[in-house]
């Protein structure tokens, strides 16, 4: 639960300004990306760099399938409401090409990779979902590089353009993100906020007139396949997840969800944390300089 909204937001704005001048955000229409877009937009106001605030934030919308229209329309309304630069960049063709190559590639362990053979089993949703997430990460960094040049042409100097992530504490603890996908960012400003606190901040921005209720999507989904929702995929609710994380980290228990019946909940969440911990660890390397001059 947030106890000091102004203190929290002022620190977030200050550290964002110290970290970079320009923020590139993948806008999905979901709660986390909406909050990060709001925070970046507010951080860009009254900057002393001679940059128009609308140029300081670039929202990138990357829909994939037809039902993404709901997310896309919400994202488009958000970037217009916040008056930030934006680009609509559908990744359907890219995703289809990746899927085609994967489905027509068969690994023959007796010889070498052979093309134009059909894999007996379909590619899993998770494999496809991770691939889509990595496509979006690649697009964000490519767009960020291009945006750097466009800003140079407009202002005559280079700015620090950085990709800003949307990962929250609830998801980060169990590493519920794609390695080198949505986990591939330059900074995560809300990574210490539970999902419930994400909604608290969104409601705060709503009450202060920055956004409206229809811009707050209250059914979390990564939008990686049709009908996908976070809670269905995880098998637990965000309320249960927060409870288990608070128990595990020795934090104050604000409320115990009434539907918690499984005594192994904390153990299940910590198992997810352990299994996926490699996603949050620095890339390992082997120290070899002792063998070299």
Protein backbone atom coordinates (compact mmCIF):
# COMPACT_ATOMS: atom_id res chain seq x y z
CA UNK A 1 0.00 0.00 0.00
CA UNK A 2 1.37 3.41 -0.98
CA UNK A 3 1.60 5.82 1.98
CA UNK A 4 3.25 8.82 0.29
CA UNK A 5 2.19 9.34 -3.31
CA UNK A 6 3.99 12.65 -3.78
CA UNK A 7 7.23 11.37 -2.28
CA UNK A 8 7.16 8.20 -4.37
CA UNK A 9 6.39 10.01 -7.61
CA UNK A 10 8.84 12.86 -7.06
CA UNK A 11 11.66 10.38 -6.47
CA UNK A 12 10.64 8.41 -9.57
CA UNK A 13 10.56 11.56 -11.73
CA UNK A 14 13.92 12.71 -10.38
CA UNK A 15 15.68 9.41 -11.02
CA UNK A 16 14.19 9.09 -14.49
CA UNK A 17 15.46 12.58 -15.40
CA UNK A 18 18.92 11.70 -14.05
CA UNK A 19 18.95 8.44 -16.00
CA UNK A 20 17.89 9.74 -19.42
CA UNK A 21 16.25 12.60 -21.30
CA UNK A 22 14.11 10.54 -23.68
CA UNK A 23 11.95 7.53 -22.78
CA UNK A 24 10.77 4.83 -25.20
CA UNK A 25 7.90 2.76 -23.81
CA UNK A 26 6.09 -0.22 -25.30
CA UNK A 27 2.42 0.69 -24.86
CA UNK A 28 0.15 -2.36 -24.78
CA UNK A 29 -3.01 -0.92 -23.27
CA UNK A 30 -2.32 -2.88 -20.08
CA UNK A 31 -2.06 -1.38 -16.60
CA UNK A 32 1.72 -1.53 -16.21
CA UNK A 33 2.61 0.13 -19.52
CA UNK A 34 -0.12 2.73 -18.96
CA UNK A 35 1.36 3.61 -15.58
CA UNK A 36 4.92 3.81 -16.93
CA UNK A 37 3.76 6.00 -19.83
CA UNK A 38 2.04 8.32 -17.33
CA UNK A 39 5.13 8.48 -15.13
CA UNK A 40 7.45 9.18 -18.07
CA UNK A 41 5.09 11.84 -19.39
CA UNK A 42 4.99 13.59 -16.03
CA UNK A 43 8.77 13.32 -15.65
CA UNK A 44 9.17 15.05 -19.02
CA UNK A 45 7.14 18.09 -18.03
CA UNK A 46 8.97 21.37 -17.37
CA UNK A 47 12.30 19.91 -18.43
CA UNK A 48 15.15 22.42 -18.68
CA UNK A 49 16.75 20.89 -21.76
CA UNK A 50 14.83 22.83 -24.38
CA UNK A 51 12.97 19.69 -25.48
CA UNK A 52 9.25 19.70 -26.09
CA UNK A 53 7.68 17.40 -23.46
CA UNK A 54 5.79 15.52 -26.18
CA UNK A 55 9.15 14.61 -27.78
CA UNK A 56 10.56 13.24 -24.52
CA UNK A 57 8.35 10.15 -24.55
CA UNK A 58 7.78 7.81 -27.47
CA UNK A 59 4.99 5.29 -27.03
CA UNK A 60 5.35 2.27 -29.33
CA UNK A 61 2.22 0.19 -30.02
CA UNK A 62 3.02 -3.30 -31.32
CA UNK A 63 -0.18 -5.31 -31.85
CA UNK A 64 -0.03 -8.84 -33.21
CA UNK A 65 -3.42 -10.48 -33.72
CA UNK A 66 -6.82 -9.10 -34.63
CA UNK A 67 -8.16 -9.17 -31.09
CA UNK A 68 -5.30 -6.86 -30.15
CA UNK A 69 -7.63 -4.13 -31.41
CA UNK A 70 -8.91 -3.58 -27.87
CA UNK A 71 -5.40 -3.04 -26.54
CA UNK A 72 -4.44 -0.94 -29.55
CA UNK A 73 -7.43 1.39 -29.22
CA UNK A 74 -6.70 1.85 -25.51
CA UNK A 75 -3.04 2.50 -26.25
CA UNK A 76 -3.88 5.01 -28.98
CA UNK A 77 -6.23 6.87 -26.66
CA UNK A 78 -3.57 6.88 -23.95
CA UNK A 79 -0.79 8.40 -26.08
CA UNK A 80 -3.24 11.03 -27.35
CA UNK A 81 -4.43 11.81 -23.83
CA UNK A 82 -0.85 12.18 -22.58
CA UNK A 83 0.14 14.07 -25.76
CA UNK A 84 3.28 12.04 -26.33
CA UNK A 85 4.86 10.98 -29.61
CA UNK A 86 3.84 7.54 -30.74
CA UNK A 87 4.13 4.99 -33.50
CA UNK A 88 1.90 2.05 -34.44
CA UNK A 89 4.10 -0.85 -35.45
CA UNK A 90 2.17 -4.12 -36.01
CA UNK A 91 4.43 -7.14 -35.66
CA UNK A 92 2.08 -9.69 -37.26
CA UNK A 93 4.21 -10.18 -40.39
CA UNK A 94 7.39 -10.53 -38.37
CA UNK A 95 5.74 -13.02 -36.01
CA UNK A 96 4.29 -15.04 -38.89
CA UNK A 97 7.68 -15.26 -40.58
CA UNK A 98 9.32 -16.49 -37.36
CA UNK A 99 6.57 -19.07 -36.89
CA UNK A 100 6.88 -20.24 -40.49
CA UNK A 101 10.63 -20.79 -40.15
CA UNK A 102 10.24 -22.63 -36.85
CA UNK A 103 7.43 -24.86 -38.06
CA UNK A 104 9.37 -25.83 -41.18
CA UNK A 105 12.63 -26.53 -39.49
CA UNK A 106 13.39 -30.02 -38.21
CA UNK A 107 16.47 -30.80 -36.17
CA UNK A 108 18.02 -34.08 -37.27
CA UNK A 109 20.42 -34.97 -34.48
CA UNK A 110 22.18 -37.51 -36.70
CA UNK A 111 23.27 -34.93 -39.22
CA UNK A 112 22.39 -31.24 -39.29
CA UNK A 113 19.45 -28.86 -39.36
CA UNK A 114 17.28 -29.58 -42.38
CA UNK A 115 14.76 -27.10 -43.73
CA UNK A 116 11.33 -27.67 -45.26
CA UNK A 117 10.52 -30.57 -42.97
CA UNK A 118 7.55 -30.23 -40.68
CA UNK A 119 8.07 -30.62 -36.95
CA UNK A 120 5.82 -33.44 -35.71
CA UNK A 121 4.52 -31.42 -32.77
CA UNK A 122 3.23 -27.86 -32.94
CA UNK A 123 5.30 -25.09 -31.40
CA UNK A 124 4.03 -24.38 -27.90
CA UNK A 125 2.17 -21.21 -27.01
CA UNK A 126 4.94 -20.35 -24.57
CA UNK A 127 7.65 -20.66 -27.21
CA UNK A 128 5.63 -18.51 -29.59
CA UNK A 129 4.83 -16.02 -26.82
CA UNK A 130 8.47 -15.65 -25.85
CA UNK A 131 9.39 -15.16 -29.49
CA UNK A 132 6.79 -12.38 -29.82
CA UNK A 133 8.09 -10.69 -26.69
CA UNK A 134 11.64 -10.74 -28.09
CA UNK A 135 10.36 -9.33 -31.38
CA UNK A 136 8.90 -6.41 -29.48
CA UNK A 137 12.14 -5.83 -27.57
CA UNK A 138 14.09 -5.76 -30.83
CA UNK A 139 11.61 -3.29 -32.30
CA UNK A 140 11.83 -1.02 -29.26
CA UNK A 141 15.62 -0.77 -29.45
CA UNK A 142 15.60 -0.31 -33.22
CA UNK A 143 13.00 2.45 -32.92
CA UNK A 144 14.98 4.04 -30.06
CA UNK A 145 18.08 4.18 -32.29
CA UNK A 146 16.10 5.75 -35.13
CA UNK A 147 14.41 8.21 -32.76
CA UNK A 148 17.84 9.33 -31.55
CA UNK A 149 18.71 10.44 -35.09
CA UNK A 150 15.37 12.15 -35.64
CA UNK A 151 15.79 14.13 -32.42
CA UNK A 152 19.30 15.12 -33.47
CA UNK A 153 17.94 16.48 -36.73
CA UNK A 154 15.31 18.49 -34.86
CA UNK A 155 17.37 19.80 -31.94
CA UNK A 156 20.94 19.62 -33.23
CA UNK A 157 22.27 17.45 -30.42
CA UNK A 158 22.13 13.91 -29.14
CA UNK A 159 20.07 12.92 -26.13
CA UNK A 160 20.15 9.82 -23.95
CA UNK A 161 17.31 7.76 -25.40
CA UNK A 162 16.48 4.75 -23.25
CA UNK A 163 13.95 1.89 -23.33
CA UNK A 164 11.89 1.96 -20.15
CA UNK A 165 10.47 -1.30 -18.79
CA UNK A 166 7.08 -2.03 -17.26
CA UNK A 167 7.88 -4.92 -14.91
CA UNK A 168 6.29 -4.78 -11.44
CA UNK A 169 7.33 -6.46 -8.17
CA UNK A 170 4.63 -9.14 -8.29
CA UNK A 171 5.92 -10.37 -11.66
CA UNK A 172 9.58 -9.68 -11.07
CA UNK A 173 9.76 -11.84 -7.92
CA UNK A 174 8.76 -14.93 -9.90
CA UNK A 175 10.47 -13.61 -13.07
CA UNK A 176 7.21 -13.69 -14.98
CA UNK A 177 8.71 -12.12 -18.06
CA UNK A 178 10.59 -13.22 -21.15
CA UNK A 179 14.36 -13.25 -20.87
CA UNK A 180 15.69 -10.77 -23.44
CA UNK A 181 12.07 -9.96 -24.29
CA UNK A 182 10.05 -7.66 -22.03
CA UNK A 183 12.87 -8.26 -19.55
CA UNK A 184 15.30 -6.56 -21.94
CA UNK A 185 15.12 -2.89 -20.97
CA UNK A 186 17.38 -0.09 -19.73
CA UNK A 187 15.44 0.78 -16.58
CA UNK A 188 12.48 -0.56 -14.60
CA UNK A 189 10.89 2.35 -12.69
CA UNK A 190 8.03 0.37 -11.07
CA UNK A 191 9.83 -2.88 -10.27
CA UNK A 192 9.36 -2.31 -6.51
CA UNK A 193 5.59 -1.87 -6.74
CA UNK A 194 3.13 -4.73 -6.31
CA UNK A 195 0.40 -5.06 -8.93
CA UNK A 196 -2.09 -3.69 -6.41
CA UNK A 197 0.09 -0.59 -6.01
CA UNK A 198 0.22 -0.17 -9.79
CA UNK A 199 -3.56 0.20 -9.69
CA UNK A 200 -3.30 2.56 -6.69
CA UNK A 201 -1.09 4.89 -8.73
CA UNK A 202 -3.34 4.64 -11.78
CA UNK A 203 -6.30 5.58 -9.60
CA UNK A 204 -4.23 8.47 -8.22
CA UNK A 205 -3.56 9.74 -11.75
CA UNK A 206 -7.24 9.28 -12.58
CA UNK A 207 -8.31 11.29 -9.54
CA UNK A 208 -5.89 14.04 -10.56
CA UNK A 209 -7.32 14.21 -14.07
CA UNK A 210 -4.38 12.81 -16.03
CA UNK A 211 -6.22 9.73 -17.31
CA UNK A 212 -9.76 8.33 -17.27
CA UNK A 213 -11.11 5.00 -16.01
CA UNK A 214 -11.41 3.54 -19.49
CA UNK A 215 -7.62 3.75 -19.84
CA UNK A 216 -7.09 1.47 -16.85
CA UNK A 217 -7.23 -2.14 -17.99
CA UNK A 218 -8.01 -4.24 -14.94
CA UNK A 219 -7.60 -7.67 -16.56
CA UNK A 220 -3.81 -8.20 -16.72
CA UNK A 221 -2.62 -9.78 -19.96
CA UNK A 222 0.66 -9.83 -21.87
CA UNK A 223 -1.32 -10.17 -25.10
CA UNK A 224 0.97 -12.91 -26.35
CA UNK A 225 -1.83 -15.10 -27.68
CA UNK A 226 -5.54 -14.82 -28.12
CA UNK A 227 -7.45 -15.03 -24.84
CA UNK A 228 -4.30 -15.06 -22.71
CA UNK A 229 -4.55 -13.60 -19.20
CA UNK A 230 -1.78 -13.45 -16.63
CA UNK A 231 -3.74 -15.02 -13.78
CA UNK A 232 -4.97 -17.95 -15.87
CA UNK A 233 -1.45 -18.62 -17.07
CA UNK A 234 0.03 -18.37 -13.58
CA UNK A 235 -2.73 -20.38 -11.93
CA UNK A 236 -2.97 -17.90 -9.06
CA UNK A 237 -4.38 -14.41 -8.65
CA UNK A 238 -2.26 -11.30 -8.18
CA UNK A 239 -3.78 -10.98 -4.73
CA UNK A 240 -2.54 -14.45 -3.82
CA UNK A 241 0.83 -13.72 -5.41
CA UNK A 242 1.30 -10.55 -3.37
CA UNK A 243 0.32 -12.35 -0.18
CA UNK A 244 2.89 -15.10 -0.83
CA UNK A 245 5.66 -12.62 -1.70
CA UNK A 246 4.97 -10.55 1.41
CA UNK A 247 5.12 -13.72 3.51
CA UNK A 248 8.36 -14.80 1.84
CA UNK A 249 10.10 -11.43 2.23
CA UNK A 250 8.88 -10.84 5.79
CA UNK A 251 6.84 -7.82 4.74
CA UNK A 252 3.69 -6.60 6.43
CA UNK A 253 0.63 -8.69 5.52
CA UNK A 254 -2.03 -6.18 4.59
CA UNK A 255 -4.78 -8.67 3.87
CA UNK A 256 -5.20 -12.37 3.38
CA UNK A 257 -7.21 -13.20 0.24
CA UNK A 258 -10.40 -15.00 1.22
CA UNK A 259 -9.98 -17.59 -1.51
CA UNK A 260 -6.61 -18.87 -0.27
CA UNK A 261 -7.21 -22.52 0.53
CA UNK A 262 -3.95 -24.04 -0.62
CA UNK A 263 -1.45 -24.18 2.25
CA UNK A 264 1.34 -24.72 -0.28
CA UNK A 265 0.80 -21.31 -1.94
CA UNK A 266 3.95 -19.71 -0.51
CA UNK A 267 5.99 -22.77 -1.44
CA UNK A 268 4.60 -22.72 -4.99
CA UNK A 269 5.46 -19.05 -5.44
CA UNK A 270 8.96 -19.51 -4.05
CA UNK A 271 9.49 -22.47 -6.37
CA UNK A 272 8.64 -20.20 -9.32
CA UNK A 273 11.04 -17.63 -7.87
CA UNK A 274 13.88 -20.18 -7.62
CA UNK A 275 13.31 -21.79 -11.01
CA UNK A 276 13.24 -18.46 -12.84
CA UNK A 277 15.87 -16.62 -10.81
CA UNK A 278 18.39 -16.93 -13.67
CA UNK A 279 16.40 -14.26 -15.53
CA UNK A 280 17.33 -11.64 -12.93
CA UNK A 281 20.98 -12.59 -12.58
CA UNK A 282 23.86 -10.89 -14.41
CA UNK A 283 25.21 -12.78 -17.40
CA UNK A 284 27.89 -15.14 -16.02
CA UNK A 285 31.36 -15.20 -17.49
CA UNK A 286 34.51 -17.24 -16.98
CA UNK A 287 37.59 -15.47 -15.60
CA UNK A 288 40.42 -16.36 -17.96
CA UNK A 289 42.84 -13.47 -17.68
CA UNK A 290 45.12 -15.51 -15.39
CA UNK A 291 45.91 -17.64 -18.42
CA UNK A 292 46.72 -14.68 -20.65
CA UNK A 293 49.28 -11.88 -20.74
